[in-house]
Amino acid sequence: MNTATPAAAKPAGRKEWIALCILCLPLMVVSMDVSVLFFAAPAIAADLLPTATEQLWIFDIYGFILAGLLLTMGAVGDRIGRRRLLMIGSVGFALSSLFAAYAQSAETLIVARGILGIAGSTLMPSTLALVRTMFQDPAQRTKAMSIWGAVMAGGVTVGPIIGGLLLDSFSWGSVFLINIPAMALLLIIAPFLLPESRSTAKVKVDLFSSILALAAILPMTYGVKTLAEEGWAILPAALLAAGLLIGVLFVRRQLIISNPLLDIRALMERRTGGSILVNFIATFTLMASSLINTQFLQSVLGYSPFVASLWSVAPSVVVGAAAPIAGKLSQIYGRPRVMAGGFLLSAVGFGVLTQVRLEGFSPLTVLLVGASLVAAGIVTVMTLVTDYVIGVAPADRAGAVGGLIETSNELGGAFGIALLGCVLAAIYRHAVTPFLPSGLTPDAARAAGQTIAGASAAALHLPADAAAQVMKVSREAFITAMHATCLISGVILLLATAVTLVMLRDQKKAVHTAA
């Protein structure tokens, strides 16, 4: 626990607040990168013809690589300097964005997104650690963290609008090219305004632990996805088992080495570990909800990327008020109760989404109400978790702790897309295949049977009657899959409510003491 008193903390001045604005630039770009890609899915499906599994990998390989390296990069930043690592990562992010923009196949785009994840892993913990070191005064730090969280949420919100504008006029590669000028601007300004900071203690980076983390995450993900998509097979089952075994070796190594990448013993403390767990669950369900909603707006309701992006940001009116209200309520009722209330609110939102129908009451209205409730509840949880964990982190380990929070964010989001995305794809495929019209070419039948984006792309090359039939059955199948996925998500959030109340009880006193 940070034992520094508010009287001993040096207040931040104008330079620190301007520097915070600069730090928000990479944060905005990295958070935009996920939501922008959602609206590019139909264009990518039409151009690169990915399978359902490849489409999921395009979305979440970035998050898995990012999550696997965040702890390592947080420790690297503590050692070599957070500003230096931020600038190195900015160069890598710009170059990998260029690579992704001109990918000529689904496989190449997956590789490019993986490299983008490596570069992105240097940016997130660096920004969070620099905020922690620049703002020593607890009240100022809380305000800075609120801005940090708002920018991250804002990136997810603004991303669809920018993506919609770009996709209406340019190819899908433009959603990656937009990253390059932002990174160039950061490289020019950062040396003049951002302070350099590093740990005063000697920080060792265990690269072997980082390799073990990636070696556990990737085969487990591949195994789960392939088994969900194609049924039982020896290779994915073996890879799943191998990933689990490597995961056990990773945990064992963290317990025996003197410089663990992940402090397992700290996570065993009920409140710290519980905070990271609820943060994981929050992002797990939030990213899956975003994936479902963007596909519904474009492929089911048939909106253009720009129009769909405008409707997708409508819930931000509710979400924008969630964070400050959550902060005030937590001072009265304590963080655990407010977090639990956030999970309950999101569960209700998923319940509303199960009522979306093509016929009857406006499906768009139901979708927006449900999405607003889901997002407001999840943002409530994530805001309180971040403020608590960073507030009690020692300054010398700010990068590593920032990496831990972002690891739970990215890993939760990536697993949410992967696992709930697999549920969505599997139920869609089961629901659509028996009702596709006969006489389709093998390629058209394969595309329509994999994803609704594939069905939309295939319909463009079919006769009018066949195209109408394909779109009708694919929309009905997607809604069936959407309802089932939302129901599962709602049940997960109800369980998370109980977990929050049990694991984080009596946290209000601890938080106030830390502040």
Protein backbone atom coordinates (compact mmCIF):
# COMPACT_ATOMS: atom_id res chain seq x y z
CA MET A 1 0.00 0.00 0.00
CA ASN A 2 1.20 3.50 -0.77
CA THR A 3 1.84 5.13 2.60
CA ALA A 4 2.56 8.62 1.32
CA THR A 5 0.27 11.23 2.85
CA PRO A 6 -1.41 13.91 0.82
CA ALA A 7 0.69 16.60 2.56
CA ALA A 8 3.92 15.02 1.27
CA ALA A 9 2.69 14.81 -2.31
CA LYS A 10 3.84 17.47 -4.78
CA PRO A 11 0.87 19.03 -6.60
CA ALA A 12 0.89 18.80 -10.37
CA GLY A 13 1.15 22.01 -12.34
CA ARG A 14 0.25 23.21 -15.82
CA LYS A 15 3.04 21.19 -17.45
CA GLU A 16 1.72 17.92 -16.01
CA TRP A 17 -1.82 18.60 -17.19
CA ILE A 18 -0.60 19.45 -20.69
CA ALA A 19 1.51 16.29 -20.62
CA LEU A 20 -1.63 14.34 -19.70
CA CYS A 21 -3.24 15.59 -22.90
CA ILE A 22 -0.26 14.25 -24.86
CA LEU A 23 -0.53 10.88 -23.11
CA CYS A 24 -4.16 10.68 -24.15
CA LEU A 25 -3.12 10.54 -27.82
CA PRO A 26 -1.72 6.96 -27.88
CA LEU A 27 -4.46 5.88 -25.49
CA MET A 28 -7.12 7.18 -27.86
CA VAL A 29 -5.52 5.49 -30.88
CA VAL A 30 -5.11 2.09 -29.23
CA SER A 31 -8.69 2.08 -27.91
CA MET A 32 -10.00 3.23 -31.30
CA ASP A 33 -8.21 0.38 -33.04
CA VAL A 34 -10.62 -2.24 -31.69
CA SER A 35 -13.92 -0.48 -32.31
CA VAL A 36 -12.90 0.81 -35.74
CA LEU A 37 -12.27 -2.74 -36.91
CA PHE A 38 -15.77 -3.90 -35.99
CA PHE A 39 -17.29 -1.75 -38.71
CA ALA A 40 -14.70 -2.87 -41.23
CA ALA A 41 -15.79 -6.53 -40.89
CA PRO A 42 -18.16 -6.61 -43.90
CA ALA A 43 -15.57 -4.92 -46.15
CA ILE A 44 -12.84 -7.29 -44.97
CA ALA A 45 -15.18 -10.27 -45.48
CA ALA A 46 -15.91 -9.19 -49.05
CA ASP A 47 -12.26 -8.53 -49.89
CA LEU A 48 -10.30 -11.25 -48.06
CA LEU A 49 -13.05 -13.92 -47.66
CA PRO A 50 -12.01 -15.07 -44.17
CA THR A 51 -13.63 -18.07 -42.52
CA ALA A 52 -15.52 -17.54 -39.25
CA THR A 53 -12.45 -18.67 -37.32
CA GLU A 54 -10.13 -16.39 -39.30
CA GLN A 55 -12.50 -13.46 -38.76
CA LEU A 56 -12.40 -14.00 -35.01
CA TRP A 57 -8.60 -14.21 -35.13
CA ILE A 58 -8.47 -10.92 -37.05
CA PHE A 59 -10.43 -9.31 -34.23
CA ASP A 60 -8.75 -10.79 -31.20
CA ILE A 61 -5.15 -11.80 -32.03
CA TYR A 62 -4.33 -8.14 -31.28
CA GLY A 63 -5.86 -8.40 -27.82
CA PHE A 64 -4.25 -11.72 -26.97
CA ILE A 65 -0.75 -10.63 -27.98
CA LEU A 66 -1.31 -7.33 -26.19
CA ALA A 67 -2.44 -9.08 -23.03
CA GLY A 68 0.42 -11.59 -23.13
CA LEU A 69 3.05 -8.83 -23.25
CA LEU A 70 1.57 -6.02 -21.14
CA LEU A 71 3.12 -7.25 -17.89
CA THR A 72 6.49 -7.65 -19.56
CA MET A 73 6.37 -4.22 -21.17
CA GLY A 74 5.22 -2.64 -17.91
CA ALA A 75 8.34 -4.03 -16.22
CA VAL A 76 10.51 -2.98 -19.21
CA GLY A 77 9.18 0.57 -18.88
CA ASP A 78 9.95 0.55 -15.17
CA ARG A 79 13.52 -0.39 -16.06
CA ILE A 80 14.46 1.58 -19.19
CA GLY A 81 12.10 4.52 -18.78
CA ARG A 82 8.39 4.86 -19.52
CA ARG A 83 8.76 7.74 -21.99
CA ARG A 84 11.48 5.91 -23.92
CA LEU A 85 9.36 2.78 -24.19
CA LEU A 86 6.36 4.89 -25.26
CA MET A 87 8.32 6.38 -28.14
CA ILE A 88 9.73 3.02 -29.23
CA GLY A 89 6.23 1.60 -29.22
CA SER A 90 4.89 4.54 -31.23
CA VAL A 91 7.31 3.77 -34.07
CA GLY A 92 6.35 0.09 -34.01
CA PHE A 93 2.65 0.88 -33.91
CA ALA A 94 2.89 3.15 -36.95
CA LEU A 95 4.88 0.61 -39.01
CA SER A 96 2.63 -2.33 -38.11
CA SER A 97 -0.46 -0.23 -38.95
CA LEU A 98 0.99 0.31 -42.42
CA PHE A 99 1.55 -3.45 -42.78
CA ALA A 100 -2.03 -4.22 -41.72
CA ALA A 101 -3.52 -1.61 -44.06
CA TYR A 102 -2.12 -3.33 -47.15
CA ALA A 103 -2.63 -6.99 -46.14
CA GLN A 104 -3.63 -9.09 -49.14
CA SER A 105 -5.05 -12.13 -47.34
CA ALA A 106 -6.77 -13.04 -44.09
CA GLU A 107 -3.64 -14.82 -42.89
CA THR A 108 -1.46 -11.76 -43.55
CA LEU A 109 -3.90 -9.49 -41.74
CA ILE A 110 -3.85 -11.83 -38.73
CA VAL A 111 -0.04 -11.65 -38.63
CA ALA A 112 -0.12 -7.87 -38.99
CA ARG A 113 -2.63 -7.56 -36.16
CA GLY A 114 -0.36 -9.71 -33.99
CA ILE A 115 2.60 -7.39 -34.64
CA LEU A 116 0.32 -4.45 -33.90
CA GLY A 117 -0.42 -6.07 -30.54
CA ILE A 118 3.30 -6.28 -29.73
CA ALA A 119 3.68 -2.56 -30.42
CA GLY A 120 0.48 -1.69 -28.56
CA SER A 121 1.70 -3.55 -25.46
CA THR A 122 4.38 -0.88 -24.99
CA LEU A 123 1.91 2.02 -25.10
CA MET A 124 -0.78 1.17 -22.55
CA PRO A 125 1.28 0.54 -19.37
CA SER A 126 3.58 3.45 -20.24
CA THR A 127 0.71 5.94 -20.33
CA LEU A 128 -0.80 4.65 -17.09
CA ALA A 129 2.55 4.62 -15.28
CA LEU A 130 3.37 8.16 -16.39
CA VAL A 131 0.01 9.36 -15.07
CA ARG A 132 0.80 7.69 -11.74
CA THR A 133 4.23 9.32 -11.47
CA MET A 134 3.15 12.80 -12.64
CA PHE A 135 0.18 13.09 -10.29
CA GLN A 136 1.27 12.39 -6.72
CA ASP A 137 -1.55 14.28 -5.02
CA PRO A 138 -4.42 11.79 -4.46
CA ALA A 139 -7.18 14.22 -5.46
CA GLN A 140 -5.35 15.26 -8.63
CA ARG A 141 -4.50 11.65 -9.42
CA THR A 142 -8.15 10.65 -9.14
CA LYS A 143 -9.11 13.45 -11.53
CA ALA A 144 -6.31 12.49 -13.95
CA MET A 145 -7.38 8.84 -13.82
CA SER A 146 -10.96 9.89 -14.57
CA ILE A 147 -9.72 11.74 -17.65
CA TRP A 148 -7.60 8.71 -18.60
CA GLY A 149 -10.62 6.42 -18.33
CA ALA A 150 -12.85 8.86 -20.21
CA VAL A 151 -10.36 9.05 -23.08
CA MET A 152 -10.19 5.27 -23.31
CA ALA A 153 -13.98 5.05 -23.41
CA GLY A 154 -14.03 8.01 -25.79
CA GLY A 155 -11.69 6.20 -28.15
CA VAL A 156 -14.06 3.29 -28.33
CA THR A 157 -16.88 5.78 -28.93
CA VAL A 158 -15.14 7.99 -31.49
CA GLY A 159 -13.61 5.03 -33.31
CA PRO A 160 -16.82 3.93 -34.99
CA ILE A 161 -17.56 7.45 -36.25
CA ILE A 162 -14.09 7.85 -37.74
CA GLY A 163 -14.25 4.33 -39.11
CA GLY A 164 -17.67 4.96 -40.64
CA LEU A 165 -16.46 8.12 -42.35
CA LEU A 166 -13.37 6.40 -43.72
CA LEU A 167 -15.20 3.28 -44.88
CA ASP A 168 -17.80 5.30 -46.76
CA SER A 169 -15.04 6.80 -48.95
CA PHE A 170 -11.99 4.55 -48.73
CA SER A 171 -11.00 0.90 -48.43
CA TRP A 172 -10.91 -0.94 -45.10
CA GLY A 173 -7.14 -0.39 -44.90
CA SER A 174 -7.78 3.27 -44.11
CA VAL A 175 -8.84 2.36 -40.55
CA PHE A 176 -5.24 1.37 -39.90
CA LEU A 177 -3.59 4.22 -41.81
CA ILE A 178 -5.30 6.75 -39.51
CA ASN A 179 -2.97 5.56 -36.72
CA ILE A 180 0.18 6.79 -38.47
CA PRO A 181 -0.23 10.61 -38.23
CA ALA A 182 -1.27 10.29 -34.57
CA MET A 183 1.88 8.33 -33.74
CA ALA A 184 4.02 10.80 -35.71
CA LEU A 185 2.58 13.71 -33.72
CA LEU A 186 3.32 11.90 -30.44
CA LEU A 187 6.94 11.30 -31.46
CA ILE A 188 7.41 15.00 -32.22
CA ILE A 189 5.86 16.37 -29.02
CA ALA A 190 6.65 13.73 -26.36
CA PRO A 191 10.36 14.58 -25.84
CA PHE A 192 9.48 18.17 -24.96
CA LEU A 193 6.48 17.71 -22.65
CA LEU A 194 6.57 14.22 -21.17
CA PRO A 195 8.90 13.62 -18.22
CA GLU A 196 11.08 10.54 -18.19
CA SER A 197 10.49 8.22 -15.25
CA ARG A 198 11.76 4.82 -14.25
CA SER A 199 11.90 2.68 -11.17
CA THR A 200 14.54 3.62 -8.60
CA ALA A 201 14.89 -0.05 -7.74
CA LYS A 202 16.64 -2.51 -10.03
CA VAL A 203 13.87 -4.12 -12.07
CA LYS A 204 14.55 -7.47 -13.71
CA VAL A 205 12.48 -8.62 -16.66
CA ASP A 206 11.83 -12.34 -16.89
CA LEU A 207 11.49 -12.87 -20.64
CA PHE A 208 10.97 -16.62 -20.21
CA SER A 209 7.80 -15.94 -18.22
CA SER A 210 6.55 -13.73 -21.04
CA ILE A 211 7.19 -16.53 -23.54
CA LEU A 212 5.34 -18.97 -21.30
CA ALA A 213 2.37 -16.59 -21.04
CA LEU A 214 2.03 -16.32 -24.82
CA ALA A 215 2.67 -20.04 -25.26
CA ALA A 216 -0.24 -20.73 -22.90
CA ILE A 217 -2.73 -18.18 -24.24
CA LEU A 218 -2.45 -18.77 -27.99
CA PRO A 219 -2.82 -22.59 -28.17
CA MET A 220 -5.63 -22.52 -25.62
CA THR A 221 -7.45 -19.96 -27.72
CA TYR A 222 -6.89 -21.87 -30.95
CA GLY A 223 -8.09 -25.09 -29.33
CA VAL A 224 -11.27 -23.55 -27.94
CA LYS A 225 -12.12 -21.79 -31.20
CA THR A 226 -11.48 -24.78 -33.43
CA LEU A 227 -13.39 -27.20 -31.21
CA ALA A 228 -16.32 -24.78 -31.05
CA GLU A 229 -16.31 -24.21 -34.81
CA GLU A 230 -15.52 -27.67 -36.18
CA GLY A 231 -16.25 -30.13 -33.39
CA TRP A 232 -13.96 -32.70 -31.82
CA ALA A 233 -10.52 -33.19 -33.38
CA ILE A 234 -7.21 -34.42 -31.99
CA LEU A 235 -5.04 -31.41 -32.93
CA PRO A 236 -7.10 -28.62 -31.28
CA ALA A 237 -7.74 -30.80 -28.23
CA ALA A 238 -4.00 -31.46 -27.91
CA LEU A 239 -3.19 -27.78 -28.29
CA LEU A 240 -5.79 -26.88 -25.66
CA ALA A 241 -4.26 -29.39 -23.24
CA ALA A 242 -0.75 -28.11 -24.03
CA GLY A 243 -1.82 -24.52 -23.39
CA LEU A 244 -3.30 -25.47 -20.03
CA LEU A 245 -0.12 -27.34 -19.07
CA ILE A 246 2.07 -24.37 -20.05
CA GLY A 247 -0.25 -22.14 -18.03
CA VAL A 248 0.41 -24.29 -14.95
CA LEU A 249 4.16 -24.03 -15.59
CA PHE A 250 3.80 -20.24 -15.88
CA VAL A 251 2.04 -19.99 -12.50
CA ARG A 252 4.60 -22.31 -10.88
CA ARG A 253 7.48 -20.20 -12.20
CA GLN A 254 5.90 -17.01 -10.83
CA LEU A 255 5.77 -18.58 -7.39
CA ILE A 256 9.42 -19.63 -7.25
CA ILE A 257 11.40 -16.86 -8.97
CA SER A 258 12.49 -13.68 -7.19
CA ASN A 259 11.32 -11.33 -9.96
CA PRO A 260 7.95 -12.69 -11.08
CA LEU A 261 6.25 -11.24 -14.12
CA LEU A 262 2.92 -11.72 -12.35
CA ASP A 263 2.76 -11.49 -8.57
CA ILE A 264 0.57 -14.53 -7.93
CA ARG A 265 0.70 -14.06 -4.16
CA ALA A 266 -0.59 -10.50 -4.49
CA LEU A 267 -3.45 -11.77 -6.64
CA MET A 268 -4.29 -14.25 -3.90
CA GLU A 269 -5.13 -11.32 -1.65
CA ARG A 270 -8.90 -11.18 -1.79
CA ARG A 271 -9.42 -7.52 -2.66
CA THR A 272 -6.57 -7.15 -5.16
CA GLY A 273 -7.24 -10.42 -6.94
CA GLY A 274 -10.96 -9.80 -6.78
CA SER A 275 -10.59 -6.38 -8.37
CA ILE A 276 -8.62 -7.82 -11.29
CA LEU A 277 -11.15 -10.65 -11.69
CA VAL A 278 -14.18 -8.37 -11.85
CA ASN A 279 -12.34 -6.13 -14.31
CA PHE A 280 -11.70 -9.18 -16.52
CA ILE A 281 -15.38 -10.16 -16.43
CA ALA A 282 -16.44 -6.59 -17.24
CA THR A 283 -14.33 -6.35 -20.40
CA PHE A 284 -15.18 -9.95 -21.32
CA THR A 285 -18.85 -9.10 -21.70
CA LEU A 286 -18.43 -5.54 -22.98
CA MET A 287 -16.36 -6.42 -26.07
CA ALA A 288 -18.68 -9.30 -26.97
CA SER A 289 -21.63 -6.90 -26.74
CA SER A 290 -19.88 -4.44 -29.07
CA LEU A 291 -19.17 -7.17 -31.60
CA ILE A 292 -22.80 -8.31 -31.62
CA ASN A 293 -24.28 -4.83 -31.84
CA THR A 294 -22.09 -3.62 -34.71
CA GLN A 295 -22.89 -6.72 -36.77
CA PHE A 296 -26.60 -6.27 -36.09
CA LEU A 297 -26.59 -2.63 -37.21
CA GLN A 298 -24.74 -3.35 -40.45
CA SER A 299 -25.64 -6.87 -41.53
CA VAL A 300 -29.16 -7.23 -40.11
CA LEU A 301 -30.55 -3.69 -40.33
CA GLY A 302 -28.46 -2.98 -43.41
CA TYR A 303 -27.03 0.39 -42.37
CA SER A 304 -23.92 1.77 -44.05
CA PRO A 305 -20.75 1.89 -41.91
CA PHE A 306 -21.20 5.61 -41.25
CA VAL A 307 -24.88 5.43 -40.30
CA ALA A 308 -24.24 2.34 -38.18
CA SER A 309 -21.38 4.13 -36.42
CA LEU A 310 -23.61 7.08 -35.55
CA TRP A 311 -26.23 4.82 -33.99
CA SER A 312 -23.55 2.86 -32.14
CA VAL A 313 -22.36 5.98 -30.27
CA ALA A 314 -25.86 6.96 -29.14
CA PRO A 315 -25.48 5.00 -25.86
CA SER A 316 -22.44 7.18 -25.01
CA VAL A 317 -24.86 9.81 -23.66
CA VAL A 318 -25.72 7.39 -20.85
CA VAL A 319 -22.19 6.02 -20.52
CA GLY A 320 -20.68 9.51 -20.17
CA ALA A 321 -22.63 10.04 -16.96
CA ALA A 322 -21.86 6.60 -15.53
CA ALA A 323 -18.28 7.21 -14.36
CA PRO A 324 -18.83 10.39 -12.29
CA ILE A 325 -22.05 9.03 -10.80
CA ALA A 326 -20.26 5.80 -9.87
CA GLY A 327 -17.51 7.76 -8.13
CA LYS A 328 -19.99 9.71 -6.01
CA LEU A 329 -22.09 6.66 -5.14
CA SER A 330 -18.97 4.72 -4.11
CA GLN A 331 -18.22 7.35 -1.45
CA ILE A 332 -21.64 6.75 0.05
CA TYR A 333 -22.20 3.01 -0.39
CA GLY A 334 -18.67 1.70 -0.96
CA ARG A 335 -17.14 0.38 -4.16
CA PRO A 336 -18.28 -3.29 -3.88
CA ARG A 337 -21.98 -2.40 -3.76
CA VAL A 338 -21.72 0.08 -6.62
CA MET A 339 -19.74 -2.42 -8.74
CA ALA A 340 -22.33 -5.09 -8.03
CA GLY A 341 -25.03 -2.65 -9.04
CA GLY A 342 -23.14 -2.01 -12.28
CA PHE A 343 -23.07 -5.72 -13.07
CA LEU A 344 -26.80 -6.01 -12.35
CA LEU A 345 -27.53 -3.06 -14.63
CA SER A 346 -25.53 -4.69 -17.45
CA ALA A 347 -27.31 -8.02 -16.90
CA VAL A 348 -30.64 -6.21 -17.33
CA GLY A 349 -29.25 -4.67 -20.52
CA PHE A 350 -28.45 -8.09 -21.95
CA GLY A 351 -31.95 -9.18 -21.00
CA VAL A 352 -33.31 -6.28 -23.05
CA LEU A 353 -31.14 -7.34 -26.02
CA THR A 354 -32.78 -10.77 -26.00
CA GLN A 355 -36.03 -9.00 -26.91
CA VAL A 356 -34.73 -7.60 -30.20
CA ARG A 357 -36.95 -8.78 -33.07
CA LEU A 358 -37.14 -7.85 -36.74
CA GLU A 359 -40.90 -7.64 -36.48
CA GLY A 360 -42.89 -5.79 -33.85
CA PHE A 361 -41.53 -2.92 -31.75
CA SER A 362 -38.59 -1.01 -33.26
CA PRO A 363 -35.52 -3.30 -33.14
CA LEU A 364 -33.21 -0.30 -33.24
CA THR A 365 -34.81 1.25 -30.15
CA VAL A 366 -34.60 -2.01 -28.20
CA LEU A 367 -30.99 -2.46 -29.27
CA LEU A 368 -29.99 1.05 -28.17
CA VAL A 369 -31.70 0.74 -24.78
CA GLY A 370 -30.08 -2.62 -24.11
CA ALA A 371 -26.63 -1.48 -25.30
CA SER A 372 -26.83 1.66 -23.14
CA LEU A 373 -27.61 -0.34 -20.01
CA VAL A 374 -24.83 -2.85 -20.71
CA ALA A 375 -22.21 -0.16 -21.35
CA ALA A 376 -23.21 2.06 -18.41
CA GLY A 377 -22.98 -0.84 -15.97
CA ILE A 378 -19.65 -2.08 -17.27
CA VAL A 379 -18.08 1.39 -17.31
CA THR A 380 -19.16 1.79 -13.68
CA VAL A 381 -17.24 -1.35 -12.73
CA MET A 382 -14.12 -0.57 -14.75
CA THR A 383 -13.84 3.03 -13.49
CA LEU A 384 -13.88 2.01 -9.84
CA VAL A 385 -11.43 -0.87 -10.33
CA THR A 386 -8.81 1.24 -12.12
CA ASP A 387 -8.91 4.07 -9.59
CA TYR A 388 -8.53 1.65 -6.67
CA VAL A 389 -5.68 -0.47 -8.00
CA ILE A 390 -3.59 2.45 -9.31
CA GLY A 391 -4.21 4.47 -6.15
CA VAL A 392 -2.61 1.89 -3.87
CA ALA A 393 0.24 0.94 -6.24
CA PRO A 394 3.81 1.87 -5.20
CA ALA A 395 5.25 4.44 -7.60
CA ASP A 396 8.29 2.24 -8.34
CA ARG A 397 6.02 -0.51 -9.66
CA ALA A 398 3.51 1.72 -11.41
CA GLY A 399 4.39 0.34 -14.84
CA ALA A 400 4.01 -3.27 -13.77
CA VAL A 401 0.73 -2.59 -11.96
CA GLY A 402 -0.54 -0.60 -14.94
CA GLY A 403 0.37 -3.58 -17.10
CA LEU A 404 -1.62 -5.86 -14.79
CA ILE A 405 -4.77 -3.74 -15.12
CA GLU A 406 -4.40 -3.48 -18.87
CA THR A 407 -3.70 -7.21 -19.07
CA SER A 408 -7.05 -7.93 -17.44
CA ASN A 409 -8.68 -5.39 -19.77
CA GLU A 410 -7.20 -6.76 -22.98
CA LEU A 411 -7.32 -10.42 -22.00
CA GLY A 412 -10.94 -10.06 -20.91
CA GLY A 413 -11.88 -8.32 -24.15
CA ALA A 414 -9.99 -10.81 -26.30
CA PHE A 415 -11.49 -13.82 -24.53
CA GLY A 416 -14.91 -12.21 -24.73
CA ILE A 417 -14.63 -11.90 -28.50
CA ALA A 418 -13.07 -15.36 -28.80
CA LEU A 419 -15.38 -17.39 -26.57
CA LEU A 420 -18.67 -15.55 -26.90
CA GLY A 421 -17.80 -14.93 -30.55
CA CYS A 422 -17.45 -18.69 -30.98
CA VAL A 423 -20.85 -19.20 -29.34
CA LEU A 424 -22.36 -16.63 -31.69
CA ALA A 425 -20.73 -18.21 -34.77
CA ALA A 426 -21.56 -21.80 -33.82
CA ILE A 427 -25.25 -21.08 -33.15
CA TYR A 428 -25.49 -18.98 -36.32
CA ARG A 429 -23.99 -21.77 -38.42
CA HIS A 430 -26.31 -24.36 -36.88
CA ALA A 431 -29.36 -22.14 -37.44
CA VAL A 432 -28.61 -20.99 -41.00
CA THR A 433 -27.20 -24.05 -42.78
CA PRO A 434 -30.42 -26.10 -43.10
CA PHE A 435 -32.33 -23.16 -44.61
CA LEU A 436 -29.92 -21.86 -47.24
CA PRO A 437 -31.44 -22.11 -50.73
CA SER A 438 -30.29 -24.96 -52.94
CA GLY A 439 -28.18 -24.27 -56.01
CA LEU A 440 -25.64 -21.99 -54.32
CA THR A 441 -22.05 -22.34 -55.43
CA PRO A 442 -19.75 -24.01 -52.87
CA ASP A 443 -18.01 -20.69 -52.15
CA ALA A 444 -21.29 -18.85 -51.64
CA ALA A 445 -22.69 -21.60 -49.43
CA ARG A 446 -19.50 -21.67 -47.35
CA ALA A 447 -19.45 -17.88 -46.89
CA ALA A 448 -23.15 -17.64 -46.01
CA GLY A 449 -22.87 -20.54 -43.58
CA GLN A 450 -19.88 -19.07 -41.71
CA THR A 451 -20.90 -15.51 -40.76
CA ILE A 452 -23.63 -13.00 -41.53
CA ALA A 453 -20.97 -10.69 -43.01
CA GLY A 454 -20.05 -13.56 -45.33
CA ALA A 455 -23.70 -14.00 -46.24
CA SER A 456 -23.94 -10.30 -47.12
CA ALA A 457 -20.83 -10.55 -49.30
CA ALA A 458 -22.10 -13.70 -51.04
CA ALA A 459 -25.52 -12.15 -51.70
CA LEU A 460 -23.93 -9.42 -53.81
CA HIS A 461 -23.06 -12.02 -56.47
CA LEU A 462 -26.34 -13.95 -56.48
CA PRO A 463 -29.56 -13.51 -58.48
CA ALA A 464 -32.11 -11.29 -56.76
CA ASP A 465 -34.38 -14.10 -55.50
CA ALA A 466 -31.51 -16.20 -54.16
CA ALA A 467 -29.87 -13.16 -52.57
CA ALA A 468 -33.10 -12.21 -50.81
CA GLN A 469 -33.54 -15.74 -49.49
CA VAL A 470 -29.93 -15.89 -48.24
CA MET A 471 -30.26 -12.59 -46.40
CA LYS A 472 -33.61 -13.55 -44.88
CA VAL A 473 -32.40 -16.81 -43.36
CA SER A 474 -29.03 -15.35 -42.33
CA ARG A 475 -30.69 -12.45 -40.48
CA GLU A 476 -33.04 -14.82 -38.67
CA ALA A 477 -30.13 -17.11 -37.77
CA PHE A 478 -28.06 -14.19 -36.48
CA ILE A 479 -30.87 -12.98 -34.23
CA THR A 480 -31.22 -16.49 -32.80
CA ALA A 481 -27.48 -16.60 -32.13
CA MET A 482 -27.54 -13.08 -30.72
CA HIS A 483 -30.28 -13.93 -28.22
CA ALA A 484 -28.45 -17.03 -26.98
CA THR A 485 -25.15 -15.16 -26.61
CA CYS A 486 -26.79 -12.29 -24.73
CA LEU A 487 -28.55 -14.74 -22.40
CA ILE A 488 -25.22 -16.41 -21.58
CA SER A 489 -23.61 -13.01 -21.01
CA GLY A 490 -26.41 -11.98 -18.66
CA VAL A 491 -25.98 -15.13 -16.57
CA ILE A 492 -22.22 -14.49 -16.35
CA LEU A 493 -22.88 -10.96 -15.06
CA LEU A 494 -25.31 -12.21 -12.43
CA LEU A 495 -22.60 -14.56 -11.17
CA ALA A 496 -20.13 -11.64 -11.26
CA THR A 497 -22.46 -9.67 -8.98
CA ALA A 498 -22.13 -12.34 -6.30
CA VAL A 499 -18.36 -12.59 -6.80
CA THR A 500 -18.01 -8.82 -6.36
CA LEU A 501 -19.96 -8.70 -3.11
CA VAL A 502 -18.03 -11.63 -1.63
CA MET A 503 -14.46 -10.91 -2.75
CA LEU A 504 -14.49 -7.12 -2.39
CA ARG A 505 -16.43 -6.76 0.85
CA ASP A 506 -15.14 -4.13 3.30
CA GLN A 507 -13.17 -2.52 0.48
CA LYS A 508 -14.56 0.96 1.14
CA LYS A 509 -12.45 1.37 4.26
CA ALA A 510 -9.30 0.11 2.53
CA VAL A 511 -9.74 2.48 -0.37
CA HIS A 512 -10.23 5.52 1.80
CA THR A 513 -7.16 4.59 3.83
CA ALA A 514 -5.09 4.23 0.68
CA ALA A 515 -6.20 7.60 -0.62
